[in-house]
Amino acid sequence: MAPPSDVNPAAAHQTKFRVVPKKSYSERMSETRAEIRRIMKEALRSITQDENASMRWPSYWKDIVVKYRVVIVGWPHDEVPFRNLSDVSNLQKLDLLLRGWQEKNIYFRRISEAEFAMMDAERQAQAGEM
């Protein structure tokens, strides 16, 4: 080991700095997406009592709403379009979603058969307009 006089304080500081580097934007995006997905999966499995339930973005209507009679409530549609988290390319928007799920402002809610019938009729009417 070198005597203390030979130690370069700047080099020691650099080494210490590299041990815990600041995460890149991309890493923070990935971690935030992963945490949202974890929370959503837990919430979906809890409300459906199905340990294999998982969010399916392209088939949300069929695989979540129709199958389990649950919907996502509180999604901030004005700020973040309702789509696969992989398609959300803005950390602020992902942070907004994460806070919403963490604070229970976004959540899964069971719907009644009457609510489902009304939603289904609206959906079919919209499809007929296209």
N, C-alpha and C. Protein backbone atom coordinates (compact mmCIF):
# COMPACT_ATOMS: atom_id res chain seq x y z
N MET A 1 0.85 -1.17 0.00
CA MET A 1 0.00 0.00 0.00
C MET A 1 0.89 1.23 0.00
N ALA A 2 0.52 2.21 -0.80
CA ALA A 2 1.32 3.43 -0.93
C ALA A 2 1.14 4.30 0.30
N PRO A 3 2.21 5.03 0.65
CA PRO A 3 2.07 5.95 1.78
C PRO A 3 1.04 7.02 1.45
N PRO A 4 0.40 7.61 2.48
CA PRO A 4 -0.65 8.61 2.25
C PRO A 4 -0.23 9.76 1.36
N SER A 5 1.04 10.14 1.34
CA SER A 5 1.48 11.27 0.53
C SER A 5 1.39 10.97 -0.97
N ASP A 6 1.39 9.68 -1.34
CA ASP A 6 1.33 9.30 -2.75
C ASP A 6 -0.10 9.16 -3.26
N VAL A 7 -1.07 9.26 -2.42
CA VAL A 7 -2.47 9.09 -2.83
C VAL A 7 -2.96 10.37 -3.48
N ASN A 8 -3.53 10.23 -4.65
CA ASN A 8 -4.08 11.38 -5.38
C ASN A 8 -5.53 11.55 -4.92
N PRO A 9 -5.85 12.63 -4.19
CA PRO A 9 -7.22 12.81 -3.69
C PRO A 9 -8.26 12.85 -4.80
N ALA A 10 -7.92 13.43 -5.96
CA ALA A 10 -8.88 13.49 -7.07
C ALA A 10 -9.18 12.09 -7.60
N ALA A 11 -8.12 11.27 -7.71
CA ALA A 11 -8.32 9.90 -8.20
C ALA A 11 -9.16 9.10 -7.22
N ALA A 12 -8.91 9.29 -5.94
CA ALA A 12 -9.70 8.58 -4.93
C ALA A 12 -11.16 9.00 -5.03
N HIS A 13 -11.38 10.27 -5.26
CA HIS A 13 -12.75 10.78 -5.39
C HIS A 13 -13.42 10.19 -6.63
N GLN A 14 -12.67 10.12 -7.75
CA GLN A 14 -13.24 9.57 -8.98
C GLN A 14 -13.64 8.11 -8.78
N THR A 15 -12.80 7.35 -8.16
CA THR A 15 -13.10 5.95 -7.93
C THR A 15 -14.37 5.82 -7.09
N LYS A 16 -14.47 6.62 -6.06
CA LYS A 16 -15.65 6.59 -5.21
C LYS A 16 -16.88 6.97 -6.02
N PHE A 17 -16.74 7.96 -6.90
CA PHE A 17 -17.86 8.43 -7.71
C PHE A 17 -18.36 7.33 -8.63
N ARG A 18 -17.46 6.56 -9.21
CA ARG A 18 -17.85 5.52 -10.15
C ARG A 18 -18.56 4.35 -9.48
N VAL A 19 -18.37 4.18 -8.20
CA VAL A 19 -19.01 3.06 -7.50
C VAL A 19 -20.53 3.19 -7.55
N VAL A 20 -21.04 4.41 -7.42
CA VAL A 20 -22.47 4.64 -7.46
C VAL A 20 -22.75 5.71 -8.52
N PRO A 21 -22.67 5.32 -9.80
CA PRO A 21 -22.89 6.33 -10.83
C PRO A 21 -24.36 6.72 -10.91
N LYS A 22 -24.61 7.91 -11.41
CA LYS A 22 -25.98 8.36 -11.60
C LYS A 22 -26.58 7.52 -12.73
N LYS A 23 -27.80 7.09 -12.54
CA LYS A 23 -28.44 6.26 -13.56
C LYS A 23 -28.76 7.10 -14.78
N SER A 24 -28.63 6.47 -15.93
CA SER A 24 -28.94 7.16 -17.17
C SER A 24 -30.46 7.32 -17.30
N TYR A 25 -30.85 8.20 -18.18
CA TYR A 25 -32.28 8.43 -18.46
C TYR A 25 -32.94 7.11 -18.87
N SER A 26 -32.25 6.38 -19.73
CA SER A 26 -32.77 5.10 -20.21
C SER A 26 -32.94 4.09 -19.07
N GLU A 27 -31.97 4.04 -18.17
CA GLU A 27 -32.08 3.13 -17.02
C GLU A 27 -33.25 3.51 -16.11
N ARG A 28 -33.42 4.81 -15.90
CA ARG A 28 -34.52 5.28 -15.06
C ARG A 28 -35.86 4.97 -15.71
N MET A 29 -35.92 5.11 -17.03
CA MET A 29 -37.15 4.76 -17.77
C MET A 29 -37.46 3.28 -17.58
N SER A 30 -36.47 2.44 -17.76
CA SER A 30 -36.67 0.99 -17.63
C SER A 30 -37.11 0.61 -16.22
N GLU A 31 -36.46 1.19 -15.22
CA GLU A 31 -36.83 0.88 -13.84
C GLU A 31 -38.24 1.35 -13.50
N THR A 32 -38.61 2.52 -14.01
CA THR A 32 -39.95 3.05 -13.74
C THR A 32 -41.01 2.18 -14.41
N ARG A 33 -40.77 1.80 -15.67
CA ARG A 33 -41.69 0.90 -16.36
C ARG A 33 -41.85 -0.41 -15.59
N ALA A 34 -40.73 -0.96 -15.16
CA ALA A 34 -40.75 -2.24 -14.44
C ALA A 34 -41.57 -2.12 -13.15
N GLU A 35 -41.41 -1.02 -12.44
CA GLU A 35 -42.15 -0.84 -11.18
C GLU A 35 -43.65 -0.67 -11.45
N ILE A 36 -44.01 0.07 -12.48
CA ILE A 36 -45.43 0.21 -12.83
C ILE A 36 -46.00 -1.16 -13.19
N ARG A 37 -45.28 -1.91 -14.00
CA ARG A 37 -45.75 -3.24 -14.39
C ARG A 37 -45.93 -4.14 -13.17
N ARG A 38 -44.99 -4.07 -12.23
CA ARG A 38 -45.08 -4.89 -11.02
C ARG A 38 -46.34 -4.53 -10.23
N ILE A 39 -46.56 -3.24 -10.04
CA ILE A 39 -47.73 -2.78 -9.27
C ILE A 39 -49.01 -3.20 -9.98
N MET A 40 -49.06 -3.02 -11.30
CA MET A 40 -50.26 -3.37 -12.05
C MET A 40 -50.54 -4.87 -11.96
N LYS A 41 -49.50 -5.66 -12.10
CA LYS A 41 -49.68 -7.12 -12.04
C LYS A 41 -50.20 -7.54 -10.68
N GLU A 42 -49.61 -6.98 -9.63
CA GLU A 42 -50.07 -7.29 -8.27
C GLU A 42 -51.53 -6.89 -8.08
N ALA A 43 -51.87 -5.69 -8.53
CA ALA A 43 -53.24 -5.19 -8.37
C ALA A 43 -54.23 -6.04 -9.16
N LEU A 44 -53.86 -6.40 -10.38
CA LEU A 44 -54.75 -7.23 -11.21
C LEU A 44 -54.94 -8.61 -10.60
N ARG A 45 -53.86 -9.19 -10.14
CA ARG A 45 -53.96 -10.53 -9.53
C ARG A 45 -54.76 -10.48 -8.24
N SER A 46 -54.63 -9.41 -7.51
CA SER A 46 -55.37 -9.26 -6.26
C SER A 46 -56.87 -9.15 -6.51
N ILE A 47 -57.26 -8.29 -7.44
CA ILE A 47 -58.69 -8.07 -7.67
C ILE A 47 -59.36 -9.25 -8.38
N THR A 48 -58.60 -9.96 -9.22
CA THR A 48 -59.19 -11.09 -9.95
C THR A 48 -59.06 -12.42 -9.21
N GLN A 49 -58.19 -12.44 -8.21
CA GLN A 49 -57.88 -13.68 -7.49
C GLN A 49 -57.33 -14.75 -8.44
N ASP A 50 -56.68 -14.30 -9.51
CA ASP A 50 -56.06 -15.20 -10.49
C ASP A 50 -54.56 -14.93 -10.46
N GLU A 51 -53.81 -15.88 -9.92
CA GLU A 51 -52.36 -15.71 -9.78
C GLU A 51 -51.62 -15.68 -11.11
N ASN A 52 -52.32 -16.01 -12.20
CA ASN A 52 -51.69 -15.98 -13.52
C ASN A 52 -52.11 -14.78 -14.34
N ALA A 53 -52.97 -13.94 -13.81
CA ALA A 53 -53.45 -12.78 -14.56
C ALA A 53 -52.30 -11.84 -14.88
N SER A 54 -52.32 -11.32 -16.09
CA SER A 54 -51.31 -10.32 -16.46
C SER A 54 -51.93 -9.35 -17.46
N MET A 55 -51.41 -8.15 -17.42
CA MET A 55 -51.92 -7.09 -18.28
C MET A 55 -51.59 -7.40 -19.72
N ARG A 56 -52.57 -7.24 -20.58
CA ARG A 56 -52.39 -7.46 -22.01
C ARG A 56 -52.88 -6.20 -22.71
N TRP A 57 -51.95 -5.35 -23.11
CA TRP A 57 -52.32 -4.07 -23.71
C TRP A 57 -53.10 -4.21 -25.00
N PRO A 58 -52.62 -4.99 -25.98
CA PRO A 58 -53.34 -5.03 -27.26
C PRO A 58 -54.75 -5.64 -27.13
N SER A 59 -54.92 -6.52 -26.17
CA SER A 59 -56.22 -7.20 -26.00
C SER A 59 -56.82 -6.88 -24.63
N TYR A 60 -56.60 -5.67 -24.15
CA TYR A 60 -57.11 -5.25 -22.84
C TYR A 60 -58.60 -5.51 -22.71
N TRP A 61 -59.38 -5.13 -23.71
CA TRP A 61 -60.83 -5.30 -23.63
C TRP A 61 -61.19 -6.78 -23.43
N LYS A 62 -60.66 -7.64 -24.29
CA LYS A 62 -61.02 -9.06 -24.24
C LYS A 62 -60.40 -9.77 -23.04
N ASP A 63 -59.11 -9.55 -22.81
CA ASP A 63 -58.39 -10.33 -21.79
C ASP A 63 -58.49 -9.77 -20.38
N ILE A 64 -58.93 -8.53 -20.23
CA ILE A 64 -59.05 -7.96 -18.88
C ILE A 64 -60.52 -7.63 -18.58
N VAL A 65 -61.11 -6.76 -19.40
CA VAL A 65 -62.48 -6.30 -19.13
C VAL A 65 -63.48 -7.44 -19.31
N VAL A 66 -63.47 -8.10 -20.45
CA VAL A 66 -64.44 -9.17 -20.70
C VAL A 66 -64.20 -10.36 -19.78
N LYS A 67 -62.97 -10.78 -19.69
CA LYS A 67 -62.65 -11.99 -18.92
C LYS A 67 -62.86 -11.81 -17.42
N TYR A 68 -62.40 -10.69 -16.87
CA TYR A 68 -62.45 -10.52 -15.41
C TYR A 68 -63.49 -9.52 -14.92
N ARG A 69 -64.08 -8.76 -15.84
CA ARG A 69 -65.03 -7.71 -15.47
C ARG A 69 -64.38 -6.68 -14.52
N VAL A 70 -63.19 -6.25 -14.90
CA VAL A 70 -62.49 -5.17 -14.19
C VAL A 70 -62.00 -4.16 -15.22
N VAL A 71 -61.88 -2.92 -14.78
CA VAL A 71 -61.36 -1.85 -15.63
C VAL A 71 -60.33 -1.05 -14.84
N ILE A 72 -59.50 -0.35 -15.58
CA ILE A 72 -58.56 0.57 -14.94
C ILE A 72 -59.26 1.91 -14.80
N VAL A 73 -59.23 2.46 -13.60
CA VAL A 73 -59.84 3.75 -13.30
C VAL A 73 -58.74 4.74 -12.95
N GLY A 74 -58.90 5.97 -13.39
CA GLY A 74 -57.98 7.04 -13.00
C GLY A 74 -56.80 7.26 -13.93
N TRP A 75 -56.76 6.53 -15.04
CA TRP A 75 -55.65 6.71 -15.98
C TRP A 75 -55.70 8.15 -16.51
N PRO A 76 -54.58 8.87 -16.48
CA PRO A 76 -54.58 10.27 -16.93
C PRO A 76 -54.52 10.39 -18.46
N HIS A 77 -55.63 10.08 -19.12
CA HIS A 77 -55.68 10.02 -20.59
C HIS A 77 -55.21 11.30 -21.26
N ASP A 78 -55.44 12.45 -20.64
CA ASP A 78 -55.03 13.72 -21.25
C ASP A 78 -53.51 13.84 -21.31
N GLU A 79 -52.82 13.25 -20.33
CA GLU A 79 -51.36 13.35 -20.30
C GLU A 79 -50.66 12.15 -20.92
N VAL A 80 -51.26 10.95 -20.76
CA VAL A 80 -50.61 9.73 -21.21
C VAL A 80 -51.63 8.85 -21.94
N PRO A 81 -51.46 8.66 -23.24
CA PRO A 81 -52.39 7.77 -23.94
C PRO A 81 -52.37 6.38 -23.32
N PHE A 82 -53.52 5.72 -23.33
CA PHE A 82 -53.63 4.38 -22.76
C PHE A 82 -53.06 3.39 -23.75
N ARG A 83 -51.82 2.98 -23.48
CA ARG A 83 -51.14 2.03 -24.36
C ARG A 83 -50.00 1.36 -23.61
N ASN A 84 -49.39 0.40 -24.25
CA ASN A 84 -48.29 -0.34 -23.66
C ASN A 84 -47.24 0.62 -23.12
N LEU A 85 -46.75 0.33 -21.93
CA LEU A 85 -45.76 1.20 -21.30
C LEU A 85 -44.47 1.32 -22.13
N SER A 86 -44.18 0.31 -22.92
CA SER A 86 -43.00 0.36 -23.79
C SER A 86 -43.11 1.48 -24.81
N ASP A 87 -44.35 1.90 -25.10
CA ASP A 87 -44.58 2.96 -26.08
C ASP A 87 -44.61 4.35 -25.45
N VAL A 88 -44.46 4.42 -24.13
CA VAL A 88 -44.40 5.71 -23.44
C VAL A 88 -42.92 6.07 -23.32
N SER A 89 -42.52 7.10 -24.07
CA SER A 89 -41.08 7.39 -24.16
C SER A 89 -40.70 8.67 -23.42
N ASN A 90 -41.41 8.98 -22.36
CA ASN A 90 -41.15 10.19 -21.61
C ASN A 90 -41.15 9.85 -20.12
N LEU A 91 -40.04 10.11 -19.44
CA LEU A 91 -39.91 9.75 -18.03
C LEU A 91 -40.93 10.48 -17.16
N GLN A 92 -41.23 11.73 -17.48
CA GLN A 92 -42.22 12.47 -16.69
C GLN A 92 -43.58 11.79 -16.74
N LYS A 93 -43.95 11.29 -17.91
CA LYS A 93 -45.24 10.62 -18.05
C LYS A 93 -45.24 9.30 -17.29
N LEU A 94 -44.13 8.58 -17.36
CA LEU A 94 -44.03 7.34 -16.60
C LEU A 94 -44.08 7.62 -15.10
N ASP A 95 -43.40 8.68 -14.66
CA ASP A 95 -43.44 9.06 -13.24
C ASP A 95 -44.86 9.39 -12.81
N LEU A 96 -45.61 10.06 -13.67
CA LEU A 96 -47.01 10.39 -13.39
C LEU A 96 -47.82 9.11 -13.19
N LEU A 97 -47.61 8.14 -14.06
CA LEU A 97 -48.31 6.86 -13.92
C LEU A 97 -47.89 6.13 -12.65
N LEU A 98 -46.59 6.12 -12.38
CA LEU A 98 -46.10 5.43 -11.19
C LEU A 98 -46.71 6.03 -9.93
N ARG A 99 -46.70 7.36 -9.82
CA ARG A 99 -47.30 8.01 -8.65
C ARG A 99 -48.78 7.68 -8.55
N GLY A 100 -49.46 7.68 -9.68
CA GLY A 100 -50.89 7.36 -9.69
C GLY A 100 -51.17 5.97 -9.14
N TRP A 101 -50.40 4.99 -9.56
CA TRP A 101 -50.58 3.62 -9.06
C TRP A 101 -50.18 3.53 -7.59
N GLN A 102 -49.06 4.16 -7.23
CA GLN A 102 -48.59 4.10 -5.84
C GLN A 102 -49.58 4.76 -4.88
N GLU A 103 -50.16 5.87 -5.30
CA GLU A 103 -51.08 6.61 -4.43
C GLU A 103 -52.53 6.13 -4.57
N LYS A 104 -52.72 5.10 -5.39
CA LYS A 104 -54.04 4.49 -5.60
C LYS A 104 -55.03 5.44 -6.28
N ASN A 105 -54.51 6.40 -7.05
CA ASN A 105 -55.36 7.25 -7.88
C ASN A 105 -55.66 6.55 -9.19
N ILE A 106 -54.82 5.59 -9.55
CA ILE A 106 -55.06 4.70 -10.69
C ILE A 106 -55.17 3.31 -10.09
N TYR A 107 -56.21 2.58 -10.49
CA TYR A 107 -56.44 1.27 -9.87
C TYR A 107 -57.40 0.45 -10.74
N PHE A 108 -57.45 -0.84 -10.46
CA PHE A 108 -58.44 -1.72 -11.10
C PHE A 108 -59.70 -1.68 -10.25
N ARG A 109 -60.85 -1.69 -10.95
CA ARG A 109 -62.14 -1.70 -10.26
C ARG A 109 -63.04 -2.73 -10.93
N ARG A 110 -63.73 -3.49 -10.09
CA ARG A 110 -64.72 -4.43 -10.62
C ARG A 110 -65.88 -3.66 -11.22
N ILE A 111 -66.45 -4.19 -12.28
CA ILE A 111 -67.64 -3.57 -12.86
C ILE A 111 -68.79 -4.57 -12.80
N SER A 112 -69.99 -4.04 -12.71
CA SER A 112 -71.18 -4.89 -12.66
C SER A 112 -71.51 -5.38 -14.07
N GLU A 113 -72.38 -6.35 -14.16
CA GLU A 113 -72.82 -6.84 -15.47
C GLU A 113 -73.52 -5.73 -16.24
N ALA A 114 -74.28 -4.88 -15.53
CA ALA A 114 -74.96 -3.76 -16.20
C ALA A 114 -73.94 -2.77 -16.76
N GLU A 115 -72.89 -2.46 -16.00
CA GLU A 115 -71.83 -1.56 -16.48
C GLU A 115 -71.14 -2.17 -17.69
N PHE A 116 -70.87 -3.47 -17.60
CA PHE A 116 -70.22 -4.15 -18.71
C PHE A 116 -71.09 -4.08 -19.96
N ALA A 117 -72.38 -4.36 -19.81
CA ALA A 117 -73.29 -4.34 -20.96
C ALA A 117 -73.31 -2.95 -21.61
N MET A 118 -73.32 -1.92 -20.78
CA MET A 118 -73.33 -0.56 -21.30
C MET A 118 -72.01 -0.25 -22.04
N MET A 119 -70.91 -0.64 -21.44
CA MET A 119 -69.60 -0.42 -22.07
C MET A 119 -69.49 -1.18 -23.39
N ASP A 120 -69.99 -2.40 -23.39
CA ASP A 120 -69.93 -3.24 -24.58
C ASP A 120 -70.78 -2.63 -25.69
N ALA A 121 -71.96 -2.13 -25.34
CA ALA A 121 -72.84 -1.50 -26.33
C ALA A 121 -72.17 -0.24 -26.92
N GLU A 122 -71.54 0.56 -26.05
CA GLU A 122 -70.84 1.76 -26.51
C GLU A 122 -69.71 1.39 -27.46
N ARG A 123 -68.99 0.35 -27.10
CA ARG A 123 -67.87 -0.11 -27.92
C ARG A 123 -68.35 -0.58 -29.29
N GLN A 124 -69.44 -1.33 -29.30
CA GLN A 124 -69.98 -1.83 -30.57
C GLN A 124 -70.50 -0.68 -31.43
N ALA A 125 -71.11 0.32 -30.78
CA ALA A 125 -71.62 1.48 -31.52
C ALA A 125 -70.46 2.25 -32.15
N GLN A 126 -69.38 2.40 -31.42
CA GLN A 126 -68.19 3.10 -31.94
C GLN A 126 -67.59 2.32 -33.10
N ALA A 127 -67.56 1.01 -32.98
CA ALA A 127 -67.01 0.18 -34.05
C ALA A 127 -67.86 0.31 -35.31
N GLY A 128 -69.18 0.45 -35.13
CA GLY A 128 -70.08 0.60 -36.27
C GLY A 128 -69.91 1.92 -36.98
N GLU A 129 -69.41 2.94 -36.27
CA GLU A 129 -69.21 4.26 -36.86
C GLU A 129 -67.98 4.31 -37.75
N MET A 130 -67.08 3.39 -37.58
CA MET A 130 -65.81 3.44 -38.31
C MET A 130 -65.97 3.01 -39.74
